Amino acid sequence: MNLVREIAMDNRVGAAMASFESNLRTTVDLAVAIQQIPSPTFEEGERAVYVESLYAKTGLDQVHKDEIHNVFGRYAGTDSRQSLVISAHLDTVFPIATDLAIRYDGPKMESNRIYGPGLADNALGVAGLITLARTLERNGFRTESDIWLVANVAEEGLGNLMGMRAVVDKFGPDATYLVLEGGSFGLVFHEAIGVHRYLIEVRTPGGHSWGDFGKPNAIQILSSLINDISNLNVPAEPKTTFNIGVIEGGTTVNTIASVANCQLDLRSAEKDLLDKITNQIGRLVESANGQPDVQVVMTQIGKRPSGRISRESAVVKMATAALEQVGCSPVEFMAGSTDASVPIGLGIPSVCIGLAKSGNTHRLDEFVDITHLAQGLGQLLLLSLAMAGLVGEGAE
């Protein structure tokens, strides 16, 4: 009998898992309350204060924020030398002024699909931390390892996983890490996709659109460079991608632009391929930079590590067993760029899991489908108790 199945047979665990369905709307309402607090990357402070207040009302101790607004709370185990770190990111991709209105696909209490920017990514993940803390306390579970629940900052965009890097620096390589996303139920992320991000800047003398016609225009040079990048061939397997996410430049319609820039996102499941496409683009930049009165600079603004935790590792096997125990089959194994990339890149046992199904991520019509949320929370509880070592009936 595997450890997860053994834990699921504990009467206390069974009762706790049953409560997820009966209290489902409480978790949803909590996720909505978190989602309603704007939390763009680098502006997570208000949401962090709210989560810290929720932590303080649970059975967690050592509740505190660090200097960058990561929020910590500990559920004490019997051996404080061991730590399981469970995290969910606080930040969203949406600017501070975004309309965060919630929309349901029918009457509120009957709707399974709920729309709201940042609800799935990642307000629901943070709500999962709170729900887990309340469940551990309410049922008096004892574990061997300390369980640290961490709501961390700077997962999205140019945050460059800063929050999770600080978390791993704090707990080190001897801890085990479990990362929560509100969406992606049924998936186990055990591979980290490598990501390189660059700012490409073009500068020219500029001038008047009539009097200086024919002089180099930064926008036109950047556009030509982007077109060259778009014509690069990248393999479908291992999947390798590029994306121009932001373009800025120019001053007025009748001015030859002296400045233009773009932000470039490069990804690959294979490090050598990521290095290859980076070098290809570097050569295109060098070529553009060779024109008279033109300066093109490519500056790295983000780097996310790649790596892999074997499917045969204990942590991946437990994550798989937890999903199968709640009736999710087949389990899908995924590569992605998540907070788990930090410990995975260091070879530290880690996985990322989801709590519900979702769609339209990073769009204003982002939604979460709560049909499988109770199963997702059940998976979370089983996996947490297995990774931390449940002490007591049916687990010794």
Protein backbone atom coordinates (compact mmCIF):
# COMPACT_ATOMS: atom_id res chain seq x y z
CA MET A 1 0.00 0.00 0.00
CA ASN A 2 1.41 3.42 -0.90
CA LEU A 3 1.80 6.14 1.69
CA VAL A 4 -0.85 8.42 0.22
CA ARG A 5 -3.47 5.67 0.17
CA GLU A 6 -2.57 4.76 3.75
CA ILE A 7 -3.05 8.37 4.84
CA ALA A 8 -6.38 8.57 2.98
CA MET A 9 -7.65 5.65 5.10
CA ASP A 10 -7.17 7.68 8.31
CA ASN A 11 -10.66 8.58 9.55
CA ARG A 12 -9.60 12.13 10.39
CA VAL A 13 -8.27 12.63 6.87
CA GLY A 14 -11.44 11.24 5.35
CA ALA A 15 -13.57 13.66 7.39
CA ALA A 16 -11.35 16.59 6.44
CA MET A 17 -11.57 15.73 2.75
CA ALA A 18 -15.34 15.46 2.93
CA SER A 19 -15.47 18.97 4.40
CA PHE A 20 -13.93 20.47 1.26
CA GLU A 21 -17.10 19.79 -0.71
CA SER A 22 -19.47 21.04 2.01
CA ASN A 23 -17.38 24.19 2.51
CA LEU A 24 -16.56 24.75 -1.14
CA ARG A 25 -18.20 28.18 -1.38
CA THR A 26 -16.22 29.36 1.63
CA THR A 27 -13.00 28.68 -0.27
CA VAL A 28 -14.38 30.35 -3.39
CA ASP A 29 -15.47 33.43 -1.44
CA LEU A 30 -12.02 33.59 0.13
CA ALA A 31 -10.39 33.46 -3.31
CA VAL A 32 -12.64 36.27 -4.52
CA ALA A 33 -11.80 38.40 -1.46
CA ILE A 34 -8.08 37.94 -2.22
CA GLN A 35 -8.61 38.61 -5.93
CA GLN A 36 -10.38 41.89 -5.19
CA ILE A 37 -7.15 43.37 -3.77
CA PRO A 38 -4.98 44.61 -6.66
CA SER A 39 -1.57 42.94 -6.60
CA PRO A 40 0.61 43.62 -9.64
CA THR A 41 4.17 42.33 -9.49
CA PHE A 42 6.20 44.62 -7.18
CA GLU A 43 2.97 46.05 -5.70
CA GLU A 44 1.81 43.10 -3.58
CA GLY A 45 1.95 44.91 -0.24
CA GLU A 46 -1.78 45.37 0.41
CA ARG A 47 -2.61 41.78 -0.48
CA ALA A 48 0.30 40.59 1.67
CA VAL A 49 -1.09 42.48 4.69
CA TYR A 50 -4.48 40.86 4.16
CA VAL A 51 -3.02 37.36 3.91
CA GLU A 52 -0.89 37.96 7.00
CA SER A 53 -4.07 38.88 8.92
CA LEU A 54 -5.72 35.63 7.77
CA TYR A 55 -2.67 33.63 8.84
CA ALA A 56 -2.84 35.20 12.29
CA LYS A 57 -6.39 33.89 12.73
CA THR A 58 -5.38 30.27 12.06
CA GLY A 59 -3.26 27.88 14.08
CA LEU A 60 -0.06 29.05 12.42
CA ASP A 61 2.77 30.47 14.47
CA GLN A 62 5.78 32.62 13.56
CA VAL A 63 3.53 34.62 11.23
CA HIS A 64 5.46 37.45 9.60
CA LYS A 65 6.37 39.27 6.40
CA ASP A 66 9.89 39.73 5.12
CA GLU A 67 11.26 42.92 3.62
CA ILE A 68 9.92 42.14 0.13
CA HIS A 69 6.42 41.17 1.41
CA ASN A 70 6.68 37.39 1.30
CA VAL A 71 4.25 36.17 4.01
CA PHE A 72 5.25 33.24 6.24
CA GLY A 73 3.38 31.09 8.73
CA ARG A 74 4.41 27.81 10.36
CA TYR A 75 2.34 24.78 11.28
CA ALA A 76 4.72 23.20 13.78
CA GLY A 77 5.80 19.59 13.36
CA THR A 78 7.38 17.23 15.83
CA ASP A 79 10.85 17.72 14.32
CA SER A 80 11.64 21.34 13.48
CA ARG A 81 14.83 20.26 11.70
CA GLN A 82 12.66 19.21 8.76
CA SER A 83 10.59 21.61 6.66
CA LEU A 84 7.96 21.28 3.98
CA VAL A 85 7.47 24.64 2.26
CA ILE A 86 4.11 25.13 0.52
CA SER A 87 3.89 28.32 -1.51
CA ALA A 88 1.51 30.27 -3.73
CA HIS A 89 2.34 33.55 -5.42
CA LEU A 90 0.57 36.78 -4.46
CA ASP A 91 1.18 38.77 -7.63
CA THR A 92 -0.82 39.08 -10.83
CA VAL A 93 -0.08 40.31 -14.35
CA PHE A 94 -2.81 42.96 -14.18
CA PRO A 95 -2.04 46.67 -13.63
CA ILE A 96 -3.22 48.39 -10.45
CA ALA A 97 -6.19 50.11 -12.14
CA THR A 98 -7.63 46.95 -13.73
CA ASP A 99 -11.37 46.38 -13.25
CA LEU A 100 -11.43 43.27 -11.04
CA ALA A 101 -15.20 42.73 -11.21
CA ILE A 102 -16.33 39.13 -10.77
CA ARG A 103 -18.81 37.56 -13.16
CA TYR A 104 -20.65 34.25 -12.78
CA ASP A 105 -22.05 32.06 -15.56
CA GLY A 106 -25.41 31.91 -13.78
CA PRO A 107 -26.81 32.35 -10.25
CA LYS A 108 -23.86 32.78 -7.90
CA MET A 109 -24.50 29.75 -5.72
CA GLU A 110 -25.05 27.49 -8.73
CA SER A 111 -22.20 28.69 -10.94
CA ASN A 112 -19.20 26.45 -11.47
CA ARG A 113 -17.45 28.87 -13.81
CA ILE A 114 -16.42 32.18 -12.25
CA TYR A 115 -14.70 34.97 -14.19
CA GLY A 116 -12.27 37.53 -12.78
CA PRO A 117 -8.77 38.78 -13.66
CA GLY A 118 -6.25 36.94 -11.50
CA LEU A 119 -8.84 34.69 -9.83
CA ALA A 120 -7.28 31.45 -11.01
CA ASP A 121 -3.77 32.87 -11.26
CA ASN A 122 -3.30 33.03 -8.39
CA ALA A 123 -5.90 34.18 -5.85
CA LEU A 124 -7.28 30.64 -5.68
CA GLY A 125 -3.80 29.26 -5.01
CA VAL A 126 -3.39 31.65 -2.07
CA ALA A 127 -6.88 30.72 -0.83
CA GLY A 128 -5.69 27.12 -0.95
CA LEU A 129 -2.93 27.96 1.54
CA ILE A 130 -5.45 29.46 3.96
CA THR A 131 -7.88 26.55 3.53
CA LEU A 132 -5.06 24.08 4.20
CA ALA A 133 -3.98 25.97 7.34
CA ARG A 134 -7.54 25.97 8.66
CA THR A 135 -7.96 22.27 7.88
CA LEU A 136 -4.74 21.26 9.63
CA GLU A 137 -5.70 23.24 12.73
CA ARG A 138 -9.36 22.21 12.81
CA ASN A 139 -8.49 18.51 12.65
CA GLY A 140 -5.46 18.66 14.91
CA PHE A 141 -3.18 16.86 12.47
CA ARG A 142 0.37 16.30 13.66
CA THR A 143 3.24 15.99 11.22
CA GLU A 144 6.89 15.15 11.55
CA SER A 145 8.11 18.13 9.53
CA ASP A 146 7.25 21.75 10.08
CA ILE A 147 4.90 22.95 7.36
CA TRP A 148 5.67 26.49 6.26
CA LEU A 149 2.91 28.18 4.29
CA VAL A 150 4.35 30.99 2.17
CA ALA A 151 2.48 33.56 0.07
CA ASN A 152 5.31 34.89 -2.04
CA VAL A 153 5.80 37.87 -4.32
CA ALA A 154 7.22 38.44 -7.81
CA GLU A 155 6.41 35.24 -9.69
CA GLU A 156 5.01 36.97 -12.76
CA GLY A 157 6.72 38.91 -15.54
CA LEU A 158 9.84 40.80 -14.61
CA GLY A 159 9.56 39.63 -11.01
CA ASN A 160 12.03 36.97 -12.15
CA LEU A 161 10.92 34.63 -9.32
CA MET A 162 12.46 37.03 -6.81
CA GLY A 163 10.07 36.02 -4.04
CA MET A 164 10.68 32.30 -4.42
CA ARG A 165 14.42 32.82 -4.69
CA ALA A 166 14.28 34.48 -1.25
CA VAL A 167 12.17 31.61 0.09
CA VAL A 168 14.66 28.99 -1.10
CA ASP A 169 17.53 31.05 0.29
CA LYS A 170 15.73 31.06 3.66
CA PHE A 171 14.93 27.34 3.91
CA GLY A 172 17.76 25.92 1.83
CA PRO A 173 18.30 22.63 0.03
CA ASP A 174 17.22 20.40 2.91
CA ALA A 175 13.59 21.51 2.68
CA THR A 176 11.02 20.06 0.28
CA TYR A 177 8.92 22.45 -1.82
CA LEU A 178 5.31 22.26 -3.00
CA VAL A 179 4.01 25.09 -5.19
CA LEU A 180 0.30 25.83 -5.69
CA GLU A 181 -1.44 27.30 -8.70
CA GLY A 182 -5.16 27.99 -8.72
CA GLY A 183 -5.59 26.38 -12.14
CA SER A 184 -3.99 23.28 -13.69
CA PHE A 185 -5.79 20.61 -11.65
CA GLY A 186 -4.70 17.18 -12.83
CA LEU A 187 -1.21 18.30 -13.80
CA VAL A 188 2.08 17.67 -12.03
CA PHE A 189 4.81 20.14 -12.98
CA HIS A 190 8.16 18.45 -12.35
CA GLU A 191 10.22 20.05 -15.13
CA ALA A 192 11.28 23.69 -15.23
CA ILE A 193 11.34 25.46 -18.59
CA GLY A 194 14.34 27.71 -19.06
CA VAL A 195 13.42 31.36 -19.73
CA HIS A 196 15.63 34.23 -20.91
CA ARG A 197 14.20 37.75 -21.12
CA TYR A 198 15.81 40.72 -22.81
CA LEU A 199 15.31 44.41 -23.37
CA ILE A 200 16.36 45.39 -26.89
CA GLU A 201 16.93 49.15 -27.24
CA VAL A 202 17.53 51.08 -30.48
CA ARG A 203 18.92 54.63 -30.48
CA THR A 204 19.48 57.01 -33.40
CA PRO A 205 20.01 60.79 -33.75
CA GLY A 206 16.34 61.19 -34.77
CA GLY A 207 15.10 64.33 -36.48
CA HIS A 208 12.22 65.99 -38.35
CA SER A 209 9.96 63.79 -40.46
CA TRP A 210 10.31 66.17 -43.49
CA GLY A 211 13.61 67.91 -43.15
CA ASP A 212 15.56 64.84 -42.00
CA PHE A 213 13.75 62.26 -44.10
CA GLY A 214 15.99 59.29 -44.85
CA LYS A 215 17.88 59.36 -41.55
CA PRO A 216 17.63 56.19 -39.44
CA ASN A 217 14.39 55.79 -37.51
CA ALA A 218 14.64 53.77 -34.28
CA ILE A 219 11.10 52.40 -34.64
CA GLN A 220 11.65 51.23 -38.20
CA ILE A 221 14.98 49.60 -37.30
CA LEU A 222 13.39 47.85 -34.32
CA SER A 223 10.46 46.73 -36.49
CA SER A 224 12.85 45.24 -39.04
CA LEU A 225 14.73 43.45 -36.26
CA ILE A 226 11.48 42.07 -34.84
CA ASN A 227 10.56 40.82 -38.31
CA ASP A 228 13.92 39.03 -38.56
CA ILE A 229 13.32 37.42 -35.16
CA SER A 230 9.83 36.35 -36.25
CA ASN A 231 11.34 34.52 -39.24
CA LEU A 232 13.60 32.35 -37.10
CA ASN A 233 12.88 28.62 -37.20
CA VAL A 234 12.44 26.98 -33.80
CA PRO A 235 11.78 23.31 -33.10
CA ALA A 236 8.37 22.07 -32.03
CA GLU A 237 10.07 19.38 -29.97
CA PRO A 238 11.68 20.08 -27.59
CA LYS A 239 9.32 23.04 -27.59
CA THR A 240 11.14 26.35 -28.01
CA THR A 241 9.39 29.73 -28.25
CA PHE A 242 9.93 33.46 -28.61
CA ASN A 243 7.57 36.35 -27.90
CA ILE A 244 7.74 40.14 -28.19
CA GLY A 245 5.60 41.20 -25.24
CA VAL A 246 6.10 44.99 -25.06
CA ILE A 247 7.06 47.65 -27.64
CA GLU A 248 7.73 51.32 -26.83
CA GLY A 249 9.23 54.24 -28.69
CA GLY A 250 8.92 57.53 -30.50
CA THR A 251 7.66 60.93 -29.40
CA THR A 252 5.35 62.46 -32.03
CA VAL A 253 3.96 61.50 -35.43
CA ASN A 254 6.17 64.02 -37.21
CA THR A 255 9.41 63.08 -35.45
CA ILE A 256 11.91 60.50 -36.68
CA ALA A 257 12.09 58.29 -33.61
CA SER A 258 15.40 58.45 -31.77
CA VAL A 259 14.51 55.73 -29.24
CA ALA A 260 12.55 52.47 -29.42
CA ASN A 261 12.66 49.28 -27.39
CA CYS A 262 10.97 45.94 -26.97
CA GLN A 263 10.88 43.19 -24.36
CA LEU A 264 11.64 39.70 -25.61
CA ASP A 265 10.74 36.41 -23.92
CA LEU A 266 12.62 33.23 -24.97
CA ARG A 267 11.74 29.77 -23.64
CA SER A 268 12.79 26.19 -24.17
CA ALA A 269 12.54 22.88 -22.41
CA GLU A 270 16.13 22.24 -23.54
CA LYS A 271 18.94 24.48 -22.27
CA ASP A 272 21.11 24.06 -25.38
CA LEU A 273 18.24 25.14 -27.64
CA LEU A 274 17.56 28.17 -25.46
CA ASP A 275 21.22 29.14 -25.72
CA LYS A 276 21.10 28.58 -29.48
CA ILE A 277 18.14 30.90 -30.13
CA THR A 278 19.63 33.48 -27.75
CA ASN A 279 22.83 33.45 -29.79
CA GLN A 280 20.89 33.70 -33.07
CA ILE A 281 19.09 36.80 -31.87
CA GLY A 282 22.35 38.21 -30.57
CA ARG A 283 23.78 37.98 -34.07
CA LEU A 284 20.73 39.76 -35.52
CA VAL A 285 21.26 42.55 -32.98
CA GLU A 286 24.94 42.80 -33.93
CA SER A 287 23.98 43.09 -37.59
CA ALA A 288 21.45 45.86 -36.89
CA ASN A 289 24.02 47.60 -34.75
CA GLY A 290 26.40 47.79 -37.70
CA GLN A 291 24.36 50.46 -39.48
CA PRO A 292 25.64 54.09 -39.48
CA ASP A 293 24.25 56.28 -36.67
CA VAL A 294 22.47 53.32 -35.10
CA GLN A 295 23.06 51.84 -31.65
CA VAL A 296 21.30 48.59 -30.69
CA VAL A 297 21.77 47.11 -27.22
CA MET A 298 20.42 43.79 -25.94
CA THR A 299 20.26 43.61 -22.12
CA GLN A 300 19.14 40.61 -20.10
CA ILE A 301 16.28 41.52 -17.74
CA GLY A 302 15.23 38.08 -16.58
CA LYS A 303 16.49 34.52 -16.30
CA ARG A 304 14.55 31.55 -15.02
CA PRO A 305 16.32 28.24 -14.46
CA SER A 306 15.67 24.94 -16.17
CA GLY A 307 15.80 21.51 -14.58
CA ARG A 308 13.94 18.29 -13.96
CA ILE A 309 12.83 16.16 -11.03
CA SER A 310 12.52 12.51 -12.09
CA ARG A 311 9.07 10.94 -12.27
CA GLU A 312 10.57 8.15 -10.17
CA SER A 313 11.38 10.54 -7.31
CA ALA A 314 9.39 10.23 -4.10
CA VAL A 315 7.83 13.69 -4.39
CA VAL A 316 6.54 13.14 -7.94
CA LYS A 317 5.23 9.69 -7.07
CA MET A 318 3.38 11.12 -4.06
CA ALA A 319 1.88 13.92 -6.17
CA THR A 320 0.71 11.34 -8.70
CA ALA A 321 -0.75 9.09 -6.02
CA ALA A 322 -2.61 12.02 -4.43
CA LEU A 323 -4.30 12.88 -7.73
CA GLU A 324 -5.20 9.26 -8.38
CA GLN A 325 -6.57 8.93 -4.85
CA VAL A 326 -9.08 11.75 -5.46
CA GLY A 327 -10.19 10.18 -8.73
CA CYS A 328 -8.09 12.08 -11.26
CA SER A 329 -6.73 9.80 -13.95
CA PRO A 330 -4.69 9.88 -16.06
CA VAL A 331 -2.29 12.31 -14.42
CA GLU A 332 -0.44 14.61 -16.82
CA PHE A 333 3.24 15.39 -16.28
CA MET A 334 4.25 18.85 -17.37
CA ALA A 335 7.13 21.23 -17.92
CA GLY A 336 6.47 24.85 -17.04
CA SER A 337 7.83 28.10 -15.70
CA THR A 338 6.53 28.38 -12.13
CA ASP A 339 7.93 29.20 -8.72
CA ALA A 340 8.95 25.53 -8.54
CA SER A 341 11.58 26.34 -11.18
CA VAL A 342 13.81 27.78 -8.46
CA PRO A 343 14.19 24.63 -6.33
CA ILE A 344 13.94 22.32 -9.37
CA GLY A 345 16.79 24.23 -11.00
CA LEU A 346 18.87 23.47 -7.91
CA GLY A 347 17.91 19.79 -7.95
CA ILE A 348 15.81 20.12 -4.77
CA PRO A 349 12.74 17.82 -4.55
CA SER A 350 9.82 19.98 -5.70
CA VAL A 351 6.59 19.89 -7.66
CA CYS A 352 3.88 22.34 -8.66
CA ILE A 353 0.22 21.28 -8.60
CA GLY A 354 -3.13 22.93 -9.40
CA LEU A 355 -6.38 23.13 -7.46
CA ALA A 356 -9.05 23.58 -10.14
CA LYS A 357 -9.53 23.84 -13.88
CA SER A 358 -9.15 27.30 -15.40
CA GLY A 359 -8.91 29.14 -18.69
CA ASN A 360 -8.05 32.42 -20.43
CA THR A 361 -5.08 32.92 -18.11
CA HIS A 362 -3.61 36.45 -18.17
CA ARG A 363 -6.73 37.76 -19.92
CA LEU A 364 -9.46 39.99 -18.50
CA ASP A 365 -11.95 37.14 -19.00
CA GLU A 366 -9.83 34.69 -17.01
CA PHE A 367 -11.99 32.09 -15.29
CA VAL A 368 -11.85 29.25 -12.81
CA ASP A 369 -14.07 26.18 -13.01
CA ILE A 370 -14.68 24.88 -9.49
CA THR A 371 -16.15 21.52 -10.56
CA HIS A 372 -13.03 19.70 -9.35
CA LEU A 373 -11.94 22.15 -6.63
CA ALA A 374 -12.91 19.86 -3.73
CA GLN A 375 -10.79 17.12 -5.33
CA GLY A 376 -7.97 19.60 -5.80
CA LEU A 377 -8.06 20.55 -2.13
CA GLY A 378 -8.21 16.87 -1.19
CA GLN A 379 -5.14 16.25 -3.33
CA LEU A 380 -3.39 19.14 -1.56
CA LEU A 381 -4.17 17.77 1.91
CA LEU A 382 -3.07 14.22 1.06
CA LEU A 383 0.14 15.37 -0.57
CA SER A 384 0.97 17.79 2.26
CA LEU A 385 0.48 15.12 4.93
CA ALA A 386 2.49 12.59 2.92
CA MET A 387 5.36 14.99 2.29
CA ALA A 388 5.39 16.25 5.89
CA GLY A 389 4.86 12.81 7.47
CA LEU A 390 1.48 12.40 9.18
CA VAL A 391 1.80 11.27 12.78
CA GLY A 392 -1.05 9.26 14.27
CA GLU A 393 -3.72 6.72 13.47
CA GLY A 394 -3.20 4.91 10.18
CA ALA A 395 0.08 6.66 9.45
CA GLU A 396 2.68 5.27 11.84
